[in-house]
Amino acid sequence: MYSPKGKFPNRSVSSRPPGLNGMPGITLLEITVVILVLLSLIGVLFIGARAWKRGSDRAICIIHIQSVQKGVRSYANLYGFGDGDKEADFFPLKR
């Protein structure tokens, strides 16, 4: 096919072949790579969320232990118990 000025007609600037409608588009390989990258990023996000949840559960447990410890110390101070007293002396109603 002859064209004026020695150029080829309908030649795309892109190195990819044109799509079905003549416009350059995304190939199946490119879509697959994009999906795989997104899935790997989502996987890393879930791993990080699981580690964050584990750390927050540990912090809540420490807060509960501190609360129980404060309650026991408060009870001991209220009823005049000191360090080294026996557990039987700690609960007078239990006898």
PDB file of N, CA and C in Angstrom:
ATOM      1  N   MET A   1       0.836  -1.159   0.000  1.00  0.00           N
ATOM      2  CA  MET A   1       0.000   0.000   0.000  1.00  0.00           C
ATOM      3  C   MET A   1       0.889   1.232   0.000  1.00  0.00           C
ATOM      4  N   TYR A   2       0.656   2.098  -0.919  1.00  0.00           N
ATOM      5  CA  TYR A   2       1.454   3.297  -1.045  1.00  0.00           C
ATOM      6  C   TYR A   2       0.799   4.431  -0.273  1.00  0.00           C
ATOM      7  N   SER A   3       1.618   5.179   0.462  1.00  0.00           N
ATOM      8  CA  SER A   3       1.097   6.354   1.158  1.00  0.00           C
ATOM      9  C   SER A   3       1.993   7.532   0.805  1.00  0.00           C
ATOM     10  N   PRO A   4       1.422   8.711   0.819  1.00  0.00           N
ATOM     11  CA  PRO A   4       2.244   9.883   0.502  1.00  0.00           C
ATOM     12  C   PRO A   4       3.305  10.109   1.560  1.00  0.00           C
ATOM     13  N   LYS A   5       4.390  10.685   1.168  1.00  0.00           N
ATOM     14  CA  LYS A   5       5.527  11.030   2.009  1.00  0.00           C
ATOM     15  C   LYS A   5       6.220   9.796   2.579  1.00  0.00           C
ATOM     16  N   GLY A   6       5.972   8.625   2.078  1.00  0.00           N
ATOM     17  CA  GLY A   6       6.678   7.413   2.466  1.00  0.00           C
ATOM     18  C   GLY A   6       6.339   6.873   3.847  1.00  0.00           C
ATOM     19  N   LYS A   7       5.225   7.247   4.443  1.00  0.00           N
ATOM     20  CA  LYS A   7       4.833   6.744   5.759  1.00  0.00           C
ATOM     21  C   LYS A   7       3.801   5.640   5.604  1.00  0.00           C
ATOM     22  N   PHE A   8       3.761   4.777   6.599  1.00  0.00           N
ATOM     23  CA  PHE A   8       2.787   3.695   6.582  1.00  0.00           C
ATOM     24  C   PHE A   8       1.505   4.176   7.257  1.00  0.00           C
ATOM     25  N   PRO A   9       0.342   3.879   6.693  1.00  0.00           N
ATOM     26  CA  PRO A   9      -0.914   4.324   7.301  1.00  0.00           C
ATOM     27  C   PRO A   9      -1.258   3.485   8.535  1.00  0.00           C
ATOM     28  N   ASN A  10      -1.996   4.089   9.440  1.00  0.00           N
ATOM     29  CA  ASN A  10      -2.495   3.416  10.647  1.00  0.00           C
ATOM     30  C   ASN A  10      -1.374   2.812  11.491  1.00  0.00           C
ATOM     31  N   ARG A  11      -0.245   3.439  11.512  1.00  0.00           N
ATOM     32  CA  ARG A  11       0.887   2.925  12.308  1.00  0.00           C
ATOM     33  C   ARG A  11       0.837   3.553  13.692  1.00  0.00           C
ATOM     34  N   SER A  12       0.795   2.745  14.724  1.00  0.00           N
ATOM     35  CA  SER A  12       0.703   3.244  16.096  1.00  0.00           C
ATOM     36  C   SER A  12       2.090   3.601  16.607  1.00  0.00           C
ATOM     37  N   VAL A  13       2.162   4.606  17.476  1.00  0.00           N
ATOM     38  CA  VAL A  13       3.426   5.004  18.076  1.00  0.00           C
ATOM     39  C   VAL A  13       3.828   3.990  19.141  1.00  0.00           C
ATOM     40  N   SER A  14       2.852   3.354  19.754  1.00  0.00           N
ATOM     41  CA  SER A  14       3.108   2.384  20.824  1.00  0.00           C
ATOM     42  C   SER A  14       3.751   1.128  20.252  1.00  0.00           C
ATOM     43  N   SER A  15       4.557   0.467  21.088  1.00  0.00           N
ATOM     44  CA  SER A  15       5.201  -0.764  20.639  1.00  0.00           C
ATOM     45  C   SER A  15       4.263  -1.956  20.734  1.00  0.00           C
ATOM     46  N   ARG A  16       3.127  -1.790  21.445  1.00  0.00           N
ATOM     47  CA  ARG A  16       2.161  -2.870  21.577  1.00  0.00           C
ATOM     48  C   ARG A  16       1.242  -2.898  20.362  1.00  0.00           C
ATOM     49  N   PRO A  17       0.746  -4.071  20.030  1.00  0.00           N
ATOM     50  CA  PRO A  17      -0.212  -4.135  18.915  1.00  0.00           C
ATOM     51  C   PRO A  17      -1.538  -3.519  19.333  1.00  0.00           C
ATOM     52  N   PRO A  18      -2.278  -2.952  18.390  1.00  0.00           N
ATOM     53  CA  PRO A  18      -3.559  -2.336  18.740  1.00  0.00           C
ATOM     54  C   PRO A  18      -4.569  -3.389  19.165  1.00  0.00           C
ATOM     55  N   GLY A  19      -5.547  -2.965  19.984  1.00  0.00           N
ATOM     56  CA  GLY A  19      -6.595  -3.863  20.445  1.00  0.00           C
ATOM     57  C   GLY A  19      -7.599  -4.144  19.348  1.00  0.00           C
ATOM     58  N   LEU A  20      -8.742  -4.702  19.743  1.00  0.00           N
ATOM     59  CA  LEU A  20      -9.749  -5.089  18.763  1.00  0.00           C
ATOM     60  C   LEU A  20     -10.353  -3.889  18.049  1.00  0.00           C
ATOM     61  N   ASN A  21     -10.475  -2.778  18.756  1.00  0.00           N
ATOM     62  CA  ASN A  21     -11.079  -1.602  18.132  1.00  0.00           C
ATOM     63  C   ASN A  21     -10.036  -0.666  17.523  1.00  0.00           C
ATOM     64  N   GLY A  22      -8.798  -1.110  17.442  1.00  0.00           N
ATOM     65  CA  GLY A  22      -7.756  -0.305  16.829  1.00  0.00           C
ATOM     66  C   GLY A  22      -7.004   0.579  17.799  1.00  0.00           C
ATOM     67  N   MET A  23      -7.438   0.645  19.050  1.00  0.00           N
ATOM     68  CA  MET A  23      -6.771   1.466  20.056  1.00  0.00           C
ATOM     69  C   MET A  23      -5.822   0.584  20.874  1.00  0.00           C
ATOM     70  N   PRO A  24      -4.670   1.132  21.276  1.00  0.00           N
ATOM     71  CA  PRO A  24      -3.783   0.330  22.114  1.00  0.00           C
ATOM     72  C   PRO A  24      -4.415   0.122  23.492  1.00  0.00           C
ATOM     73  N   GLY A  25      -4.240  -1.073  24.052  1.00  0.00           N
ATOM     74  CA  GLY A  25      -4.860  -1.388  25.334  1.00  0.00           C
ATOM     75  C   GLY A  25      -3.930  -2.187  26.226  1.00  0.00           C
ATOM     76  N   ILE A  26      -4.486  -2.750  27.269  1.00  0.00           N
ATOM     77  CA  ILE A  26      -3.716  -3.531  28.230  1.00  0.00           C
ATOM     78  C   ILE A  26      -3.800  -5.002  27.829  1.00  0.00           C
ATOM     79  N   THR A  27      -2.673  -5.667  27.855  1.00  0.00           N
ATOM     80  CA  THR A  27      -2.662  -7.080  27.496  1.00  0.00           C
ATOM     81  C   THR A  27      -3.041  -7.916  28.699  1.00  0.00           C
ATOM     82  N   LEU A  28      -3.359  -9.165  28.451  1.00  0.00           N
ATOM     83  CA  LEU A  28      -3.749 -10.099  29.502  1.00  0.00           C
ATOM     84  C   LEU A  28      -2.606 -10.315  30.485  1.00  0.00           C
ATOM     85  N   LEU A  29      -1.382 -10.334  30.015  1.00  0.00           N
ATOM     86  CA  LEU A  29      -0.220 -10.504  30.892  1.00  0.00           C
ATOM     87  C   LEU A  29      -0.083  -9.323  31.843  1.00  0.00           C
ATOM     88  N   GLU A  30      -0.301  -8.122  31.355  1.00  0.00           N
ATOM     89  CA  GLU A  30      -0.213  -6.938  32.223  1.00  0.00           C
ATOM     90  C   GLU A  30      -1.293  -6.954  33.296  1.00  0.00           C
ATOM     91  N   ILE A  31      -2.494  -7.342  32.924  1.00  0.00           N
ATOM     92  CA  ILE A  31      -3.585  -7.433  33.904  1.00  0.00           C
ATOM     93  C   ILE A  31      -3.263  -8.484  34.958  1.00  0.00           C
ATOM     94  N   THR A  32      -2.710  -9.611  34.541  1.00  0.00           N
ATOM     95  CA  THR A  32      -2.343 -10.670  35.479  1.00  0.00           C
ATOM     96  C   THR A  32      -1.277 -10.191  36.456  1.00  0.00           C
ATOM     97  N   VAL A  33      -0.296  -9.480  35.970  1.00  0.00           N
ATOM     98  CA  VAL A  33       0.772  -8.967  36.848  1.00  0.00           C
ATOM     99  C   VAL A  33       0.205  -7.970  37.843  1.00  0.00           C
ATOM    100  N   VAL A  34      -0.680  -7.102  37.402  1.00  0.00           N
ATOM    101  CA  VAL A  34      -1.284  -6.120  38.306  1.00  0.00           C
ATOM    102  C   VAL A  34      -2.098  -6.819  39.386  1.00  0.00           C
ATOM    103  N   ILE A  35      -2.860  -7.836  39.019  1.00  0.00           N
ATOM    104  CA  ILE A  35      -3.658  -8.587  39.995  1.00  0.00           C
ATOM    105  C   ILE A  35      -2.756  -9.291  40.989  1.00  0.00           C
ATOM    106  N   LEU A  36      -1.674  -9.887  40.538  1.00  0.00           N
ATOM    107  CA  LEU A  36      -0.754 -10.582  41.450  1.00  0.00           C
ATOM    108  C   LEU A  36      -0.090  -9.609  42.421  1.00  0.00           C
ATOM    109  N   VAL A  37       0.282  -8.438  41.935  1.00  0.00           N
ATOM    110  CA  VAL A  37       0.891  -7.439  42.826  1.00  0.00           C
ATOM    111  C   VAL A  37      -0.115  -6.987  43.879  1.00  0.00           C
ATOM    112  N   LEU A  38      -1.352  -6.742  43.473  1.00  0.00           N
ATOM    113  CA  LEU A  38      -2.379  -6.331  44.432  1.00  0.00           C
ATOM    114  C   LEU A  38      -2.654  -7.423  45.457  1.00  0.00           C
ATOM    115  N   LEU A  39      -2.720  -8.665  45.030  1.00  0.00           N
ATOM    116  CA  LEU A  39      -2.951  -9.763  45.973  1.00  0.00           C
ATOM    117  C   LEU A  39      -1.809  -9.913  46.962  1.00  0.00           C
ATOM    118  N   SER A  40      -0.576  -9.735  46.500  1.00  0.00           N
ATOM    119  CA  SER A  40       0.553  -9.830  47.430  1.00  0.00           C
ATOM    120  C   SER A  40       0.537  -8.689  48.438  1.00  0.00           C
ATOM    121  N   LEU A  41       0.158  -7.488  48.020  1.00  0.00           N
ATOM    122  CA  LEU A  41       0.050  -6.363  48.951  1.00  0.00           C
ATOM    123  C   LEU A  41      -1.063  -6.591  49.967  1.00  0.00           C
ATOM    124  N   ILE A  42      -2.165  -7.161  49.537  1.00  0.00           N
ATOM    125  CA  ILE A  42      -3.255  -7.471  50.459  1.00  0.00           C
ATOM    126  C   ILE A  42      -2.807  -8.544  51.455  1.00  0.00           C
ATOM    127  N   GLY A  43      -2.036  -9.523  50.996  1.00  0.00           N
ATOM    128  CA  GLY A  43      -1.514 -10.546  51.900  1.00  0.00           C
ATOM    129  C   GLY A  43      -0.605  -9.965  52.960  1.00  0.00           C
ATOM    130  N   VAL A  44       0.254  -9.039  52.581  1.00  0.00           N
ATOM    131  CA  VAL A  44       1.138  -8.380  53.545  1.00  0.00           C
ATOM    132  C   VAL A  44       0.307  -7.567  54.534  1.00  0.00           C
ATOM    133  N   LEU A  45      -0.755  -6.937  54.054  1.00  0.00           N
ATOM    134  CA  LEU A  45      -1.635  -6.166  54.932  1.00  0.00           C
ATOM    135  C   LEU A  45      -2.289  -7.060  55.975  1.00  0.00           C
ATOM    136  N   PHE A  46      -2.745  -8.246  55.574  1.00  0.00           N
ATOM    137  CA  PHE A  46      -3.373  -9.162  56.531  1.00  0.00           C
ATOM    138  C   PHE A  46      -2.374  -9.660  57.561  1.00  0.00           C
ATOM    139  N   ILE A  47      -1.143  -9.912  57.157  1.00  0.00           N
ATOM    140  CA  ILE A  47      -0.113 -10.352  58.106  1.00  0.00           C
ATOM    141  C   ILE A  47       0.156  -9.248  59.121  1.00  0.00           C
ATOM    142  N   GLY A  48       0.253  -8.006  58.664  1.00  0.00           N
ATOM    143  CA  GLY A  48       0.467  -6.885  59.574  1.00  0.00           C
ATOM    144  C   GLY A  48      -0.714  -6.673  60.508  1.00  0.00           C
ATOM    145  N   ALA A  49      -1.933  -6.842  60.002  1.00  0.00           N
ATOM    146  CA  ALA A  49      -3.119  -6.679  60.849  1.00  0.00           C
ATOM    147  C   ALA A  49      -3.173  -7.763  61.919  1.00  0.00           C
ATOM    148  N   ARG A  50      -2.770  -8.975  61.568  1.00  0.00           N
ATOM    149  CA  ARG A  50      -2.759 -10.064  62.551  1.00  0.00           C
ATOM    150  C   ARG A  50      -1.737  -9.789  63.651  1.00  0.00           C
ATOM    151  N   ALA A  51      -0.574  -9.290  63.296  1.00  0.00           N
ATOM    152  CA  ALA A  51       0.447  -8.959  64.297  1.00  0.00           C
ATOM    153  C   ALA A  51      -0.022  -7.799  65.182  1.00  0.00           C
ATOM    154  N   TRP A  52      -0.690  -6.807  64.596  1.00  0.00           N
ATOM    155  CA  TRP A  52      -1.207  -5.691  65.380  1.00  0.00           C
ATOM    156  C   TRP A  52      -2.267  -6.172  66.360  1.00  0.00           C
ATOM    157  N   LYS A  53      -3.152  -7.082  65.914  1.00  0.00           N
ATOM    158  CA  LYS A  53      -4.194  -7.619  66.787  1.00  0.00           C
ATOM    159  C   LYS A  53      -3.582  -8.394  67.936  1.00  0.00           C
ATOM    160  N   ARG A  54      -2.558  -9.180  67.664  1.00  0.00           N
ATOM    161  CA  ARG A  54      -1.889  -9.952  68.707  1.00  0.00           C
ATOM    162  C   ARG A  54      -1.256  -9.018  69.741  1.00  0.00           C
ATOM    163  N   GLY A  55      -0.651  -7.946  69.285  1.00  0.00           N
ATOM    164  CA  GLY A  55      -0.047  -6.981  70.207  1.00  0.00           C
ATOM    165  C   GLY A  55      -1.088  -6.258  71.045  1.00  0.00           C
ATOM    166  N   SER A  56      -2.216  -5.917  70.431  1.00  0.00           N
ATOM    167  CA  SER A  56      -3.263  -5.232  71.197  1.00  0.00           C
ATOM    168  C   SER A  56      -3.895  -6.177  72.216  1.00  0.00           C
ATOM    169  N   ASP A  57      -4.051  -7.459  71.868  1.00  0.00           N
ATOM    170  CA  ASP A  57      -4.562  -8.432  72.838  1.00  0.00           C
ATOM    171  C   ASP A  57      -3.613  -8.570  74.015  1.00  0.00           C
ATOM    172  N   ARG A  58      -2.327  -8.562  73.748  1.00  0.00           N
ATOM    173  CA  ARG A  58      -1.327  -8.654  74.815  1.00  0.00           C
ATOM    174  C   ARG A  58      -1.396  -7.432  75.717  1.00  0.00           C
ATOM    175  N   ALA A  59      -1.582  -6.262  75.135  1.00  0.00           N
ATOM    176  CA  ALA A  59      -1.679  -5.033  75.936  1.00  0.00           C
ATOM    177  C   ALA A  59      -2.923  -5.060  76.825  1.00  0.00           C
ATOM    178  N   ILE A  60      -4.037  -5.543  76.305  1.00  0.00           N
ATOM    179  CA  ILE A  60      -5.259  -5.640  77.106  1.00  0.00           C
ATOM    180  C   ILE A  60      -5.055  -6.608  78.261  1.00  0.00           C
ATOM    181  N   CYS A  61      -4.380  -7.718  78.015  1.00  0.00           N
ATOM    182  CA  CYS A  61      -4.108  -8.694  79.075  1.00  0.00           C
ATOM    183  C   CYS A  61      -3.248  -8.067  80.170  1.00  0.00           C
ATOM    184  N   ILE A  62      -2.243  -7.311  79.794  1.00  0.00           N
ATOM    185  CA  ILE A  62      -1.377  -6.651  80.780  1.00  0.00           C
ATOM    186  C   ILE A  62      -2.186  -5.651  81.605  1.00  0.00           C
ATOM    187  N   ILE A  63      -3.099  -4.931  80.964  1.00  0.00           N
ATOM    188  CA  ILE A  63      -3.933  -3.966  81.680  1.00  0.00           C
ATOM    189  C   ILE A  63      -4.829  -4.687  82.689  1.00  0.00           C
ATOM    190  N   HIS A  64      -5.381  -5.836  82.324  1.00  0.00           N
ATOM    191  CA  HIS A  64      -6.225  -6.606  83.247  1.00  0.00           C
ATOM    192  C   HIS A  64      -5.416  -7.115  84.435  1.00  0.00           C
ATOM    193  N   ILE A  65      -4.218  -7.596  84.183  1.00  0.00           N
ATOM    194  CA  ILE A  65      -3.360  -8.074  85.272  1.00  0.00           C
ATOM    195  C   ILE A  65      -3.011  -6.928  86.211  1.00  0.00           C
ATOM    196  N   GLN A  66      -2.714  -5.758  85.666  1.00  0.00           N
ATOM    197  CA  GLN A  66      -2.421  -4.599  86.509  1.00  0.00           C
ATOM    198  C   GLN A  66      -3.629  -4.208  87.347  1.00  0.00           C
ATOM    199  N   SER A  67      -4.816  -4.310  86.768  1.00  0.00           N
ATOM    200  CA  SER A  67      -6.032  -3.977  87.496  1.00  0.00           C
ATOM    201  C   SER A  67      -6.249  -4.943  88.668  1.00  0.00           C
ATOM    202  N   VAL A  68      -6.051  -6.226  88.432  1.00  0.00           N
ATOM    203  CA  VAL A  68      -6.191  -7.212  89.518  1.00  0.00           C
ATOM    204  C   VAL A  68      -5.141  -6.963  90.588  1.00  0.00           C
ATOM    205  N   GLN A  69      -3.934  -6.672  90.177  1.00  0.00           N
ATOM    206  CA  GLN A  69      -2.853  -6.409  91.133  1.00  0.00           C
ATOM    207  C   GLN A  69      -3.178  -5.186  91.990  1.00  0.00           C
ATOM    208  N   LYS A  70      -3.712  -4.142  91.403  1.00  0.00           N
ATOM    209  CA  LYS A  70      -4.094  -2.958  92.173  1.00  0.00           C
ATOM    210  C   LYS A  70      -5.215  -3.271  93.157  1.00  0.00           C
ATOM    211  N   GLY A  71      -6.154  -4.114  92.728  1.00  0.00           N
ATOM    212  CA  GLY A  71      -7.241  -4.496  93.621  1.00  0.00           C
ATOM    213  C   GLY A  71      -6.736  -5.287  94.821  1.00  0.00           C
ATOM    214  N   VAL A  72      -5.825  -6.209  94.599  1.00  0.00           N
ATOM    215  CA  VAL A  72      -5.271  -7.006  95.700  1.00  0.00           C
ATOM    216  C   VAL A  72      -4.468  -6.117  96.640  1.00  0.00           C
ATOM    217  N   ARG A  73      -3.681  -5.208  96.096  1.00  0.00           N
ATOM    218  CA  ARG A  73      -2.915  -4.288  96.951  1.00  0.00           C
ATOM    219  C   ARG A  73      -3.847  -3.373  97.738  1.00  0.00           C
ATOM    220  N   SER A  74      -4.918  -2.919  97.111  1.00  0.00           N
ATOM    221  CA  SER A  74      -5.872  -2.064  97.796  1.00  0.00           C
ATOM    222  C   SER A  74      -6.532  -2.815  98.948  1.00  0.00           C
ATOM    223  N   TYR A  75      -6.908  -4.051  98.718  1.00  0.00           N
ATOM    224  CA  TYR A  75      -7.511  -4.879  99.768  1.00  0.00           C
ATOM    225  C   TYR A  75      -6.521  -5.087 100.906  1.00  0.00           C
ATOM    226  N   ALA A  76      -5.264  -5.372 100.567  1.00  0.00           N
ATOM    227  CA  ALA A  76      -4.249  -5.592 101.592  1.00  0.00           C
ATOM    228  C   ALA A  76      -4.007  -4.322 102.403  1.00  0.00           C
ATOM    229  N   ASN A  77      -3.979  -3.174 101.757  1.00  0.00           N
ATOM    230  CA  ASN A  77      -3.776  -1.917 102.470  1.00  0.00           C
ATOM    231  C   ASN A  77      -4.989  -1.568 103.335  1.00  0.00           C
ATOM    232  N   LEU A  78      -6.186  -1.888 102.831  1.00  0.00           N
ATOM    233  CA  LEU A  78      -7.404  -1.563 103.553  1.00  0.00           C
ATOM    234  C   LEU A  78      -7.513  -2.354 104.855  1.00  0.00           C
ATOM    235  N   TYR A  79      -7.128  -3.621 104.823  1.00  0.00           N
ATOM    236  CA  TYR A  79      -7.246  -4.480 105.994  1.00  0.00           C
ATOM    237  C   TYR A  79      -5.928  -4.659 106.734  1.00  0.00           C
ATOM    238  N   GLY A  80      -4.918  -3.890 106.417  1.00  0.00           N
ATOM    239  CA  GLY A  80      -3.685  -3.856 107.182  1.00  0.00           C
ATOM    240  C   GLY A  80      -2.753  -5.028 106.978  1.00  0.00           C
ATOM    241  N   PHE A  81      -2.791  -5.662 105.837  1.00  0.00           N
ATOM    242  CA  PHE A  81      -1.862  -6.752 105.549  1.00  0.00           C
ATOM    243  C   PHE A  81      -0.582  -6.187 104.957  1.00  0.00           C
ATOM    244  N   GLY A  82       0.528  -6.812 105.276  1.00  0.00           N
ATOM    245  CA  GLY A  82       1.800  -6.352 104.747  1.00  0.00           C
ATOM    246  C   GLY A  82       2.444  -7.399 103.861  1.00  0.00           C
ATOM    247  N   ASP A  83       3.654  -7.118 103.427  1.00  0.00           N
ATOM    248  CA  ASP A  83       4.382  -8.068 102.595  1.00  0.00           C
ATOM    249  C   ASP A  83       4.707  -9.308 103.396  1.00  0.00           C
ATOM    250  N   GLY A  84       4.563 -10.459 102.816  1.00  0.00           N
ATOM    251  CA  GLY A  84       4.918 -11.711 103.462  1.00  0.00           C
ATOM    252  C   GLY A  84       3.815 -12.333 104.280  1.00  0.00           C
ATOM    253  N   ASP A  85       2.650 -11.725 104.361  1.00  0.00           N
ATOM    254  CA  ASP A  85       1.540 -12.340 105.089  1.00  0.00           C
ATOM    255  C   ASP A  85       1.020 -13.536 104.301  1.00  0.00           C
ATOM    256  N   LYS A  86       0.477 -14.501 105.030  1.00  0.00           N
ATOM    257  CA  LYS A  86       0.001 -15.727 104.390  1.00  0.00           C
ATOM    258  C   LYS A  86      -1.354 -15.498 103.727  1.00  0.00           C
ATOM    259  N   GLU A  87      -1.658 -16.369 102.793  1.00  0.00           N
ATOM    260  CA  GLU A  87      -2.923 -16.244 102.068  1.00  0.00           C
ATOM    261  C   GLU A  87      -4.103 -16.498 102.995  1.00  0.00           C
ATOM    262  N   ALA A  88      -3.954 -17.376 103.962  1.00  0.00           N
ATOM    263  CA  ALA A  88      -5.041 -17.658 104.892  1.00  0.00           C
ATOM    264  C   ALA A  88      -5.397 -16.423 105.694  1.00  0.00           C
ATOM    265  N   ASP A  89      -4.426 -15.572 105.992  1.00  0.00           N
ATOM    266  CA  ASP A  89      -4.703 -14.341 106.715  1.00  0.00           C
ATOM    267  C   ASP A  89      -5.321 -13.281 105.803  1.00  0.00           C
ATOM    268  N   PHE A  90      -5.168 -13.477 104.510  1.00  0.00           N
ATOM    269  CA  PHE A  90      -5.636 -12.499 103.557  1.00  0.00           C
ATOM    270  C   PHE A  90      -7.166 -12.504 103.460  1.00  0.00           C
ATOM    271  N   PHE A  91      -7.767 -13.655 103.616  1.00  0.00           N
ATOM    272  CA  PHE A  91      -9.228 -13.799 103.481  1.00  0.00           C
ATOM    273  C   PHE A  91      -9.805 -14.287 104.804  1.00  0.00           C
ATOM    274  N   PRO A  92     -10.166 -13.396 105.706  1.00  0.00           N
ATOM    275  CA  PRO A  92     -10.614 -13.820 107.030  1.00  0.00           C
ATOM    276  C   PRO A  92     -11.947 -14.550 107.012  1.00  0.00           C
ATOM    277  N   LEU A  93     -12.793 -14.340 106.041  1.00  0.00           N
ATOM    278  CA  LEU A  93     -14.093 -14.996 105.997  1.00  0.00           C
ATOM    279  C   LEU A  93     -13.993 -16.442 105.548  1.00  0.00           C
ATOM    280  N   LYS A  94     -12.870 -16.845 105.011  1.00  0.00           N
ATOM    281  CA  LYS A  94     -12.692 -18.178 104.478  1.00  0.00           C
ATOM    282  C   LYS A  94     -12.497 -19.212 105.581  1.00  0.00           C
ATOM    283  N   ARG A  95     -12.109 -18.817 106.782  1.00  0.00           N
ATOM    284  CA  ARG A  95     -11.784 -19.778 107.862  1.00  0.00           C
ATOM    285  C   ARG A  95     -12.932 -20.539 108.353  1.00  0.00           C
TER     286      ARG A  95
END
